[in-house]
Amino acid sequence: MNPTAGEKQIVILVAQGRTNREIADKLGLAEQTVRNYLSEIYAKTENKNRVELTLFAVRAGWVEAAGEK
């Protein structure tokens, strides 16, 4: 996946455990816009849910797994 800056930022926030509402507030987007982005991201990455997307982000090196330093 070659993400846009916005897509990568959303994936990172999902991996941090943020809700769609929290992501929307942080990025100044509507909650529906976040949902739309996530649908596109799930399709591009072939992930089905937030857990799989979080594992994808860890493997891609976008975030550290809990306990890593």
N, C-alpha and C. Protein backbone atom coordinates (compact mmCIF):
# COMPACT_ATOMS: atom_id res chain seq x y z
N MET A 1 0.85 -1.19 0.00
CA MET A 1 0.00 0.00 0.00
C MET A 1 0.88 1.23 0.00
N ASN A 2 0.56 2.14 -0.86
CA ASN A 2 1.23 3.43 -0.89
C ASN A 2 0.23 4.47 -0.40
N PRO A 3 0.18 4.71 0.93
CA PRO A 3 -0.88 5.54 1.48
C PRO A 3 -0.65 7.03 1.26
N THR A 4 -1.74 7.75 1.22
CA THR A 4 -1.63 9.21 1.27
C THR A 4 -1.26 9.58 2.70
N ALA A 5 -0.84 10.80 2.90
CA ALA A 5 -0.48 11.25 4.25
C ALA A 5 -1.68 11.14 5.19
N GLY A 6 -2.87 11.46 4.67
CA GLY A 6 -4.08 11.39 5.48
C GLY A 6 -4.45 9.97 5.87
N GLU A 7 -4.30 9.06 4.91
CA GLU A 7 -4.59 7.65 5.20
C GLU A 7 -3.63 7.10 6.25
N LYS A 8 -2.36 7.41 6.10
CA LYS A 8 -1.37 6.93 7.06
C LYS A 8 -1.66 7.48 8.45
N GLN A 9 -2.03 8.74 8.53
CA GLN A 9 -2.34 9.36 9.82
C GLN A 9 -3.55 8.67 10.47
N ILE A 10 -4.55 8.35 9.68
CA ILE A 10 -5.72 7.65 10.22
C ILE A 10 -5.33 6.26 10.71
N VAL A 11 -4.54 5.54 9.95
CA VAL A 11 -4.10 4.20 10.38
C VAL A 11 -3.34 4.29 11.69
N ILE A 12 -2.46 5.25 11.82
CA ILE A 12 -1.68 5.42 13.06
C ILE A 12 -2.61 5.70 14.24
N LEU A 13 -3.59 6.55 14.04
CA LEU A 13 -4.53 6.86 15.13
C LEU A 13 -5.39 5.65 15.49
N VAL A 14 -5.78 4.86 14.50
CA VAL A 14 -6.51 3.62 14.77
C VAL A 14 -5.63 2.70 15.62
N ALA A 15 -4.37 2.58 15.22
CA ALA A 15 -3.43 1.70 15.94
C ALA A 15 -3.20 2.18 17.38
N GLN A 16 -3.39 3.45 17.62
CA GLN A 16 -3.25 4.00 18.97
C GLN A 16 -4.52 3.78 19.80
N GLY A 17 -5.54 3.20 19.18
CA GLY A 17 -6.77 2.89 19.90
C GLY A 17 -7.81 3.99 19.88
N ARG A 18 -7.63 4.98 19.01
CA ARG A 18 -8.59 6.08 18.94
C ARG A 18 -9.88 5.65 18.26
N THR A 19 -10.99 6.21 18.70
CA THR A 19 -12.29 5.95 18.07
C THR A 19 -12.42 6.81 16.82
N ASN A 20 -13.40 6.49 16.00
CA ASN A 20 -13.66 7.31 14.81
C ASN A 20 -13.94 8.76 15.20
N ARG A 21 -14.69 8.95 16.28
CA ARG A 21 -15.03 10.30 16.75
C ARG A 21 -13.75 11.04 17.16
N GLU A 22 -12.87 10.37 17.89
CA GLU A 22 -11.62 10.99 18.33
C GLU A 22 -10.73 11.34 17.14
N ILE A 23 -10.69 10.44 16.16
CA ILE A 23 -9.89 10.70 14.96
C ILE A 23 -10.46 11.90 14.21
N ALA A 24 -11.77 11.93 14.06
CA ALA A 24 -12.43 13.05 13.38
C ALA A 24 -12.12 14.36 14.08
N ASP A 25 -12.25 14.39 15.39
CA ASP A 25 -11.98 15.61 16.15
C ASP A 25 -10.53 16.05 15.99
N LYS A 26 -9.62 15.11 16.08
CA LYS A 26 -8.19 15.43 15.99
C LYS A 26 -7.81 15.98 14.62
N LEU A 27 -8.42 15.41 13.56
CA LEU A 27 -8.06 15.81 12.20
C LEU A 27 -8.98 16.87 11.61
N GLY A 28 -10.00 17.27 12.36
CA GLY A 28 -10.93 18.29 11.87
C GLY A 28 -11.80 17.78 10.73
N LEU A 29 -12.17 16.51 10.82
CA LEU A 29 -13.01 15.89 9.81
C LEU A 29 -14.35 15.50 10.41
N ALA A 30 -15.31 15.21 9.54
CA ALA A 30 -16.57 14.64 9.99
C ALA A 30 -16.34 13.17 10.29
N GLU A 31 -17.07 12.65 11.25
CA GLU A 31 -16.93 11.24 11.60
C GLU A 31 -17.22 10.34 10.40
N GLN A 32 -18.18 10.70 9.57
CA GLN A 32 -18.51 9.92 8.37
C GLN A 32 -17.32 9.91 7.41
N THR A 33 -16.59 11.00 7.32
CA THR A 33 -15.42 11.06 6.46
C THR A 33 -14.37 10.07 6.93
N VAL A 34 -14.19 9.96 8.23
CA VAL A 34 -13.25 8.99 8.79
C VAL A 34 -13.70 7.58 8.43
N ARG A 35 -14.99 7.31 8.58
CA ARG A 35 -15.51 5.98 8.21
C ARG A 35 -15.26 5.69 6.73
N ASN A 36 -15.48 6.71 5.88
CA ASN A 36 -15.23 6.52 4.44
C ASN A 36 -13.75 6.22 4.18
N TYR A 37 -12.86 6.97 4.80
CA TYR A 37 -11.43 6.71 4.66
C TYR A 37 -11.09 5.29 5.11
N LEU A 38 -11.65 4.89 6.25
CA LEU A 38 -11.35 3.54 6.75
C LEU A 38 -11.83 2.46 5.79
N SER A 39 -12.98 2.65 5.19
CA SER A 39 -13.47 1.67 4.21
C SER A 39 -12.49 1.54 3.06
N GLU A 40 -11.97 2.67 2.58
CA GLU A 40 -11.00 2.65 1.49
C GLU A 40 -9.69 2.00 1.94
N ILE A 41 -9.26 2.32 3.15
CA ILE A 41 -8.01 1.76 3.68
C ILE A 41 -8.14 0.26 3.86
N TYR A 42 -9.26 -0.20 4.40
CA TYR A 42 -9.47 -1.65 4.55
C TYR A 42 -9.38 -2.35 3.19
N ALA A 43 -9.98 -1.76 2.18
CA ALA A 43 -9.96 -2.36 0.85
C ALA A 43 -8.53 -2.38 0.28
N LYS A 44 -7.82 -1.28 0.42
CA LYS A 44 -6.45 -1.19 -0.11
C LYS A 44 -5.50 -2.16 0.58
N THR A 45 -5.66 -2.31 1.90
CA THR A 45 -4.72 -3.14 2.67
C THR A 45 -5.20 -4.58 2.81
N GLU A 46 -6.42 -4.84 2.36
CA GLU A 46 -7.03 -6.16 2.50
C GLU A 46 -7.15 -6.60 3.96
N ASN A 47 -7.37 -5.62 4.83
CA ASN A 47 -7.64 -5.90 6.25
C ASN A 47 -9.13 -5.77 6.47
N LYS A 48 -9.63 -6.53 7.46
CA LYS A 48 -11.07 -6.57 7.67
C LYS A 48 -11.55 -5.78 8.88
N ASN A 49 -10.63 -5.44 9.78
CA ASN A 49 -11.05 -4.75 11.00
C ASN A 49 -9.89 -3.96 11.60
N ARG A 50 -10.16 -3.29 12.72
CA ARG A 50 -9.16 -2.42 13.35
C ARG A 50 -7.97 -3.21 13.88
N VAL A 51 -8.21 -4.42 14.35
CA VAL A 51 -7.11 -5.24 14.87
C VAL A 51 -6.14 -5.59 13.75
N GLU A 52 -6.68 -6.07 12.64
CA GLU A 52 -5.83 -6.41 11.50
C GLU A 52 -5.10 -5.17 10.98
N LEU A 53 -5.79 -4.03 10.96
CA LEU A 53 -5.17 -2.79 10.50
C LEU A 53 -4.05 -2.36 11.44
N THR A 54 -4.24 -2.56 12.73
CA THR A 54 -3.20 -2.23 13.71
C THR A 54 -1.98 -3.11 13.49
N LEU A 55 -2.19 -4.39 13.29
CA LEU A 55 -1.07 -5.30 13.01
C LEU A 55 -0.36 -4.89 11.73
N PHE A 56 -1.10 -4.49 10.73
CA PHE A 56 -0.52 -3.98 9.48
C PHE A 56 0.38 -2.78 9.76
N ALA A 57 -0.10 -1.85 10.58
CA ALA A 57 0.68 -0.65 10.90
C ALA A 57 1.97 -0.99 11.65
N VAL A 58 1.90 -1.96 12.55
CA VAL A 58 3.09 -2.39 13.29
C VAL A 58 4.09 -3.02 12.33
N ARG A 59 3.62 -3.92 11.48
CA ARG A 59 4.50 -4.58 10.51
C ARG A 59 5.13 -3.59 9.53
N ALA A 60 4.39 -2.54 9.18
CA ALA A 60 4.89 -1.53 8.25
C ALA A 60 5.86 -0.57 8.93
N GLY A 61 5.94 -0.66 10.27
CA GLY A 61 6.84 0.22 11.00
C GLY A 61 6.28 1.61 11.26
N TRP A 62 4.97 1.76 11.11
CA TRP A 62 4.34 3.06 11.34
C TRP A 62 4.12 3.33 12.81
N VAL A 63 3.98 2.28 13.60
CA VAL A 63 3.81 2.39 15.05
C VAL A 63 4.58 1.26 15.70
N GLU A 64 4.89 1.43 16.98
CA GLU A 64 5.54 0.36 17.73
C GLU A 64 4.50 -0.46 18.45
N ALA A 65 4.76 -1.74 18.55
CA ALA A 65 3.88 -2.61 19.31
C ALA A 65 4.05 -2.29 20.79
N ALA A 66 3.02 -2.53 21.57
CA ALA A 66 3.08 -2.29 23.01
C ALA A 66 4.27 -3.04 23.60
N GLY A 67 5.02 -2.37 24.43
CA GLY A 67 6.16 -2.99 25.07
C GLY A 67 7.46 -2.88 24.30
N GLU A 68 7.40 -2.43 23.04
CA GLU A 68 8.63 -2.25 22.24
C GLU A 68 9.23 -0.88 22.51
N LYS A 69 10.53 -0.81 22.39
CA LYS A 69 11.20 0.48 22.55
C LYS A 69 12.34 0.57 21.58
